[in-house]
Amino acid sequence: QVQLVESGGGLVQPGGSLRLSCAASGARFGINAMGWYRQAPGKQRELVAAATSGGRTNYVDSVKGRFIISRDNAKNTVALQMNSLKPEDTAVYYCNAHSKVLAVEYDYWGQGTQVTVSS
């Protein structure tokens, strides 16, 4: 069973920056992708950014140019640097780890960390 521990988050003014970090432990097999999702009140959870073990990254359009995801495969960690934050970025952010073993896919989730962008 993979455990994900998140840190970071909090309250920041519009235009400010925050950094989220996530560390995975207990993985018996390689983690194919790690990323961040978010869920705002009344909305569905959405993928914010993800990074594969091969170094590919993808972002939701609304954060491109503002957020940067970075991953350390050796340490099984992933971070999300969030710059130029907007009120619409306010949400609970969840770390995700995705593995595929013998054609079976697994998703693991962190407990979530609140990000609030407000003046």
N, C-alpha and C. Protein backbone atom coordinates (compact mmCIF):
# COMPACT_ATOMS: atom_id res chain seq x y z
N GLN A 1 0.84 -1.19 0.00
CA GLN A 1 0.00 0.00 0.00
C GLN A 1 0.88 1.25 0.00
N VAL A 2 0.58 2.16 -0.88
CA VAL A 2 1.36 3.39 -0.98
C VAL A 2 0.72 4.46 -0.10
N GLN A 3 1.53 5.10 0.70
CA GLN A 3 1.06 6.23 1.50
C GLN A 3 1.65 7.52 0.94
N LEU A 4 0.81 8.53 0.90
CA LEU A 4 1.24 9.84 0.39
C LEU A 4 1.07 10.86 1.50
N VAL A 5 2.12 11.61 1.74
CA VAL A 5 2.09 12.64 2.77
C VAL A 5 2.35 13.99 2.11
N GLU A 6 1.41 14.89 2.27
CA GLU A 6 1.49 16.20 1.63
C GLU A 6 1.91 17.26 2.65
N SER A 7 2.49 18.31 2.14
CA SER A 7 2.82 19.48 2.96
C SER A 7 2.72 20.72 2.08
N GLY A 8 2.59 21.84 2.72
CA GLY A 8 2.42 23.09 2.00
C GLY A 8 0.97 23.52 2.06
N GLY A 9 0.60 24.42 1.21
CA GLY A 9 -0.74 24.93 1.22
C GLY A 9 -0.88 26.07 2.22
N GLY A 10 -2.08 26.62 2.29
CA GLY A 10 -2.33 27.72 3.21
C GLY A 10 -3.06 28.86 2.54
N LEU A 11 -2.96 30.03 3.16
CA LEU A 11 -3.64 31.23 2.68
C LEU A 11 -2.62 32.16 2.04
N VAL A 12 -2.94 32.65 0.86
CA VAL A 12 -2.04 33.56 0.16
C VAL A 12 -2.86 34.60 -0.58
N GLN A 13 -2.29 35.77 -0.76
CA GLN A 13 -2.98 36.82 -1.48
C GLN A 13 -2.88 36.57 -2.99
N PRO A 14 -3.82 37.11 -3.75
CA PRO A 14 -3.72 36.99 -5.21
C PRO A 14 -2.39 37.52 -5.71
N GLY A 15 -1.82 36.76 -6.65
CA GLY A 15 -0.50 37.11 -7.17
C GLY A 15 0.65 36.47 -6.42
N GLY A 16 0.35 35.87 -5.29
CA GLY A 16 1.38 35.25 -4.48
C GLY A 16 1.74 33.85 -4.95
N SER A 17 2.62 33.22 -4.18
CA SER A 17 3.11 31.89 -4.54
C SER A 17 2.99 30.94 -3.35
N LEU A 18 2.85 29.67 -3.67
CA LEU A 18 2.86 28.60 -2.68
C LEU A 18 3.55 27.40 -3.30
N ARG A 19 4.09 26.56 -2.45
CA ARG A 19 4.70 25.32 -2.92
C ARG A 19 4.11 24.15 -2.15
N LEU A 20 3.61 23.17 -2.90
CA LEU A 20 3.10 21.94 -2.32
C LEU A 20 4.12 20.82 -2.54
N SER A 21 4.25 19.98 -1.53
CA SER A 21 5.16 18.84 -1.64
C SER A 21 4.44 17.57 -1.24
N CYS A 22 4.88 16.47 -1.81
CA CYS A 22 4.26 15.18 -1.52
C CYS A 22 5.33 14.10 -1.57
N ALA A 23 5.32 13.24 -0.56
CA ALA A 23 6.27 12.13 -0.52
C ALA A 23 5.51 10.82 -0.45
N ALA A 24 5.89 9.87 -1.28
CA ALA A 24 5.27 8.56 -1.31
C ALA A 24 6.17 7.54 -0.62
N SER A 25 5.53 6.65 0.12
CA SER A 25 6.26 5.56 0.75
C SER A 25 5.48 4.28 0.63
N GLY A 26 6.18 3.16 0.75
CA GLY A 26 5.52 1.88 0.72
C GLY A 26 5.28 1.30 -0.66
N ALA A 27 5.85 1.94 -1.69
CA ALA A 27 5.63 1.43 -3.04
C ALA A 27 6.49 0.21 -3.29
N ARG A 28 5.87 -0.90 -3.63
CA ARG A 28 6.60 -2.13 -3.94
C ARG A 28 7.01 -2.17 -5.40
N PHE A 29 6.27 -1.44 -6.22
CA PHE A 29 6.58 -1.37 -7.64
C PHE A 29 6.76 0.09 -8.02
N GLY A 30 7.26 0.32 -9.20
CA GLY A 30 7.47 1.69 -9.64
C GLY A 30 6.18 2.47 -9.75
N ILE A 31 6.27 3.74 -9.46
CA ILE A 31 5.14 4.64 -9.62
C ILE A 31 5.26 5.27 -10.99
N ASN A 32 4.29 5.04 -11.82
CA ASN A 32 4.36 5.53 -13.19
C ASN A 32 4.21 7.04 -13.28
N ALA A 33 3.27 7.56 -12.52
CA ALA A 33 3.02 9.00 -12.59
C ALA A 33 2.66 9.52 -11.21
N MET A 34 3.07 10.73 -10.96
CA MET A 34 2.66 11.43 -9.74
C MET A 34 2.14 12.80 -10.15
N GLY A 35 1.16 13.26 -9.43
CA GLY A 35 0.59 14.53 -9.82
C GLY A 35 -0.27 15.14 -8.73
N TRP A 36 -0.92 16.21 -9.12
CA TRP A 36 -1.79 16.96 -8.21
C TRP A 36 -3.15 17.17 -8.85
N TYR A 37 -4.17 16.92 -8.06
CA TYR A 37 -5.54 17.21 -8.43
C TYR A 37 -6.05 18.27 -7.45
N ARG A 38 -7.13 18.89 -7.82
CA ARG A 38 -7.78 19.82 -6.90
C ARG A 38 -9.28 19.73 -7.02
N GLN A 39 -9.92 20.10 -5.93
CA GLN A 39 -11.39 20.10 -5.90
C GLN A 39 -11.86 21.32 -5.15
N ALA A 40 -12.57 22.16 -5.87
CA ALA A 40 -13.17 23.35 -5.27
C ALA A 40 -14.59 23.01 -4.83
N PRO A 41 -15.14 23.77 -3.89
CA PRO A 41 -16.51 23.49 -3.41
C PRO A 41 -17.51 23.47 -4.57
N GLY A 42 -18.29 22.43 -4.62
CA GLY A 42 -19.31 22.32 -5.64
C GLY A 42 -18.83 21.92 -7.01
N LYS A 43 -17.55 21.62 -7.12
CA LYS A 43 -16.98 21.24 -8.41
C LYS A 43 -16.37 19.85 -8.34
N GLN A 44 -16.18 19.27 -9.52
CA GLN A 44 -15.53 17.97 -9.59
C GLN A 44 -14.03 18.10 -9.41
N ARG A 45 -13.44 17.02 -8.96
CA ARG A 45 -11.98 16.99 -8.84
C ARG A 45 -11.38 17.02 -10.23
N GLU A 46 -10.34 17.85 -10.40
CA GLU A 46 -9.71 17.96 -11.70
C GLU A 46 -8.20 17.79 -11.58
N LEU A 47 -7.61 17.27 -12.65
CA LEU A 47 -6.16 17.15 -12.70
C LEU A 47 -5.56 18.53 -12.90
N VAL A 48 -4.59 18.88 -12.07
CA VAL A 48 -3.89 20.14 -12.20
C VAL A 48 -2.60 19.96 -12.98
N ALA A 49 -1.80 19.00 -12.55
CA ALA A 49 -0.52 18.75 -13.22
C ALA A 49 -0.06 17.34 -12.86
N ALA A 50 0.66 16.73 -13.78
CA ALA A 50 1.18 15.39 -13.54
C ALA A 50 2.53 15.24 -14.20
N ALA A 51 3.34 14.33 -13.65
CA ALA A 51 4.67 14.06 -14.19
C ALA A 51 4.88 12.55 -14.21
N THR A 52 5.31 12.04 -15.35
CA THR A 52 5.58 10.61 -15.45
C THR A 52 7.00 10.30 -15.00
N SER A 53 7.27 9.04 -14.80
CA SER A 53 8.62 8.64 -14.42
C SER A 53 9.61 8.91 -15.54
N GLY A 54 9.11 9.02 -16.76
CA GLY A 54 9.97 9.31 -17.90
C GLY A 54 10.23 10.79 -18.13
N GLY A 55 9.61 11.63 -17.30
CA GLY A 55 9.88 13.06 -17.38
C GLY A 55 8.85 13.89 -18.13
N ARG A 56 7.82 13.23 -18.64
CA ARG A 56 6.78 14.00 -19.31
C ARG A 56 5.88 14.67 -18.28
N THR A 57 5.45 15.88 -18.61
CA THR A 57 4.56 16.61 -17.73
C THR A 57 3.35 17.10 -18.52
N ASN A 58 2.25 17.28 -17.82
CA ASN A 58 1.10 17.91 -18.45
C ASN A 58 0.37 18.75 -17.40
N TYR A 59 -0.30 19.77 -17.88
CA TYR A 59 -0.97 20.74 -17.02
C TYR A 59 -2.36 21.02 -17.55
N VAL A 60 -3.26 21.33 -16.66
CA VAL A 60 -4.55 21.85 -17.10
C VAL A 60 -4.31 23.24 -17.65
N ASP A 61 -5.07 23.61 -18.66
CA ASP A 61 -4.82 24.88 -19.36
C ASP A 61 -4.80 26.08 -18.42
N SER A 62 -5.63 26.06 -17.41
CA SER A 62 -5.78 27.24 -16.55
C SER A 62 -4.54 27.53 -15.70
N VAL A 63 -3.61 26.59 -15.59
CA VAL A 63 -2.42 26.83 -14.77
C VAL A 63 -1.14 26.88 -15.60
N LYS A 64 -1.24 26.66 -16.88
CA LYS A 64 -0.05 26.68 -17.73
C LYS A 64 0.62 28.05 -17.66
N GLY A 65 1.93 28.02 -17.49
CA GLY A 65 2.69 29.25 -17.37
C GLY A 65 2.76 29.80 -15.96
N ARG A 66 1.98 29.23 -15.05
CA ARG A 66 1.97 29.70 -13.65
C ARG A 66 2.46 28.63 -12.68
N PHE A 67 2.11 27.39 -12.94
CA PHE A 67 2.47 26.29 -12.04
C PHE A 67 3.57 25.45 -12.69
N ILE A 68 4.43 24.92 -11.83
CA ILE A 68 5.49 24.03 -12.30
C ILE A 68 5.51 22.79 -11.42
N ILE A 69 5.44 21.63 -12.07
CA ILE A 69 5.52 20.37 -11.33
C ILE A 69 6.92 19.81 -11.48
N SER A 70 7.43 19.26 -10.39
CA SER A 70 8.74 18.64 -10.42
C SER A 70 8.68 17.33 -9.64
N ARG A 71 9.45 16.37 -10.12
CA ARG A 71 9.39 15.04 -9.52
C ARG A 71 10.80 14.48 -9.34
N ASP A 72 10.99 13.81 -8.22
CA ASP A 72 12.25 13.11 -7.95
C ASP A 72 11.92 11.63 -7.91
N ASN A 73 12.27 10.93 -8.98
CA ASN A 73 11.92 9.51 -9.06
C ASN A 73 12.62 8.68 -7.98
N ALA A 74 13.85 9.03 -7.68
CA ALA A 74 14.60 8.25 -6.70
C ALA A 74 13.99 8.36 -5.31
N LYS A 75 13.46 9.53 -5.01
CA LYS A 75 12.89 9.75 -3.68
C LYS A 75 11.38 9.58 -3.64
N ASN A 76 10.78 9.36 -4.80
CA ASN A 76 9.31 9.25 -4.89
C ASN A 76 8.63 10.48 -4.29
N THR A 77 9.09 11.62 -4.71
CA THR A 77 8.48 12.87 -4.26
C THR A 77 8.03 13.68 -5.48
N VAL A 78 7.07 14.53 -5.23
CA VAL A 78 6.59 15.43 -6.27
C VAL A 78 6.25 16.75 -5.62
N ALA A 79 6.53 17.83 -6.31
CA ALA A 79 6.25 19.16 -5.79
C ALA A 79 5.51 19.97 -6.84
N LEU A 80 4.74 20.91 -6.38
CA LEU A 80 4.02 21.81 -7.27
C LEU A 80 4.30 23.24 -6.83
N GLN A 81 5.03 23.96 -7.65
CA GLN A 81 5.29 25.37 -7.41
C GLN A 81 4.18 26.17 -8.07
N MET A 82 3.44 26.91 -7.27
CA MET A 82 2.30 27.66 -7.77
C MET A 82 2.60 29.15 -7.68
N ASN A 83 2.66 29.80 -8.81
CA ASN A 83 2.95 31.22 -8.88
C ASN A 83 1.76 31.99 -9.45
N SER A 84 1.76 33.28 -9.24
CA SER A 84 0.69 34.15 -9.77
C SER A 84 -0.68 33.56 -9.44
N LEU A 85 -0.85 33.21 -8.20
CA LEU A 85 -2.09 32.55 -7.79
C LEU A 85 -3.29 33.47 -7.92
N LYS A 86 -4.41 32.87 -8.28
CA LYS A 86 -5.66 33.58 -8.48
C LYS A 86 -6.71 33.04 -7.52
N PRO A 87 -7.73 33.82 -7.23
CA PRO A 87 -8.80 33.31 -6.34
C PRO A 87 -9.41 32.01 -6.86
N GLU A 88 -9.48 31.85 -8.16
CA GLU A 88 -10.06 30.62 -8.71
C GLU A 88 -9.18 29.39 -8.53
N ASP A 89 -7.97 29.58 -8.02
CA ASP A 89 -7.12 28.44 -7.68
C ASP A 89 -7.46 27.88 -6.30
N THR A 90 -8.33 28.56 -5.60
CA THR A 90 -8.72 28.09 -4.27
C THR A 90 -9.39 26.73 -4.36
N ALA A 91 -8.87 25.78 -3.61
CA ALA A 91 -9.38 24.41 -3.64
C ALA A 91 -8.61 23.57 -2.64
N VAL A 92 -9.09 22.36 -2.44
CA VAL A 92 -8.30 21.35 -1.74
C VAL A 92 -7.46 20.64 -2.79
N TYR A 93 -6.18 20.58 -2.57
CA TYR A 93 -5.25 19.95 -3.50
C TYR A 93 -4.84 18.57 -2.99
N TYR A 94 -4.93 17.59 -3.88
CA TYR A 94 -4.63 16.20 -3.52
C TYR A 94 -3.44 15.69 -4.32
N CYS A 95 -2.53 15.07 -3.64
CA CYS A 95 -1.43 14.39 -4.32
C CYS A 95 -1.92 13.03 -4.80
N ASN A 96 -1.47 12.64 -5.96
CA ASN A 96 -1.87 11.36 -6.56
C ASN A 96 -0.64 10.60 -7.03
N ALA A 97 -0.67 9.29 -6.82
CA ALA A 97 0.35 8.41 -7.38
C ALA A 97 -0.35 7.33 -8.17
N HIS A 98 0.12 7.08 -9.37
CA HIS A 98 -0.53 6.13 -10.27
C HIS A 98 0.47 5.06 -10.67
N SER A 99 0.06 3.80 -10.48
CA SER A 99 0.91 2.67 -10.85
C SER A 99 0.12 1.71 -11.72
N LYS A 100 0.86 0.99 -12.54
CA LYS A 100 0.25 -0.04 -13.37
C LYS A 100 1.09 -1.29 -13.23
N VAL A 101 0.49 -2.35 -12.69
CA VAL A 101 1.20 -3.58 -12.43
C VAL A 101 0.44 -4.72 -13.09
N LEU A 102 1.07 -5.38 -14.03
CA LEU A 102 0.44 -6.51 -14.73
C LEU A 102 -0.93 -6.11 -15.28
N ALA A 103 -0.99 -4.97 -15.91
CA ALA A 103 -2.19 -4.45 -16.56
C ALA A 103 -3.25 -3.99 -15.58
N VAL A 104 -2.97 -4.02 -14.30
CA VAL A 104 -3.91 -3.50 -13.31
C VAL A 104 -3.42 -2.13 -12.86
N GLU A 105 -4.33 -1.17 -12.88
CA GLU A 105 -3.94 0.20 -12.53
C GLU A 105 -4.38 0.52 -11.10
N TYR A 106 -3.53 1.25 -10.42
CA TYR A 106 -3.79 1.63 -9.04
C TYR A 106 -3.63 3.14 -8.90
N ASP A 107 -4.49 3.72 -8.13
CA ASP A 107 -4.39 5.14 -7.79
C ASP A 107 -4.37 5.29 -6.27
N TYR A 108 -3.44 6.10 -5.82
CA TYR A 108 -3.32 6.38 -4.39
C TYR A 108 -3.44 7.89 -4.19
N TRP A 109 -4.00 8.27 -3.02
CA TRP A 109 -4.30 9.68 -2.78
C TRP A 109 -3.77 10.14 -1.44
N GLY A 110 -3.33 11.38 -1.41
CA GLY A 110 -3.01 12.01 -0.15
C GLY A 110 -4.27 12.49 0.54
N GLN A 111 -4.10 13.05 1.71
CA GLN A 111 -5.25 13.46 2.52
C GLN A 111 -5.82 14.80 2.06
N GLY A 112 -5.08 15.51 1.25
CA GLY A 112 -5.55 16.81 0.76
C GLY A 112 -5.02 17.96 1.61
N THR A 113 -4.73 19.05 0.94
CA THR A 113 -4.27 20.25 1.63
C THR A 113 -4.98 21.47 1.05
N GLN A 114 -5.45 22.33 1.92
CA GLN A 114 -6.24 23.48 1.48
C GLN A 114 -5.34 24.60 0.97
N VAL A 115 -5.70 25.12 -0.19
CA VAL A 115 -5.07 26.32 -0.73
C VAL A 115 -6.16 27.37 -0.89
N THR A 116 -5.97 28.50 -0.24
CA THR A 116 -6.94 29.59 -0.31
C THR A 116 -6.24 30.84 -0.82
N VAL A 117 -6.77 31.38 -1.90
CA VAL A 117 -6.21 32.60 -2.49
C VAL A 117 -7.24 33.71 -2.28
N SER A 118 -6.88 34.64 -1.41
CA SER A 118 -7.84 35.67 -1.06
C SER A 118 -7.10 36.88 -0.50
N SER A 119 -7.68 38.05 -0.74
CA SER A 119 -7.10 39.26 -0.16
C SER A 119 -7.78 39.59 1.16
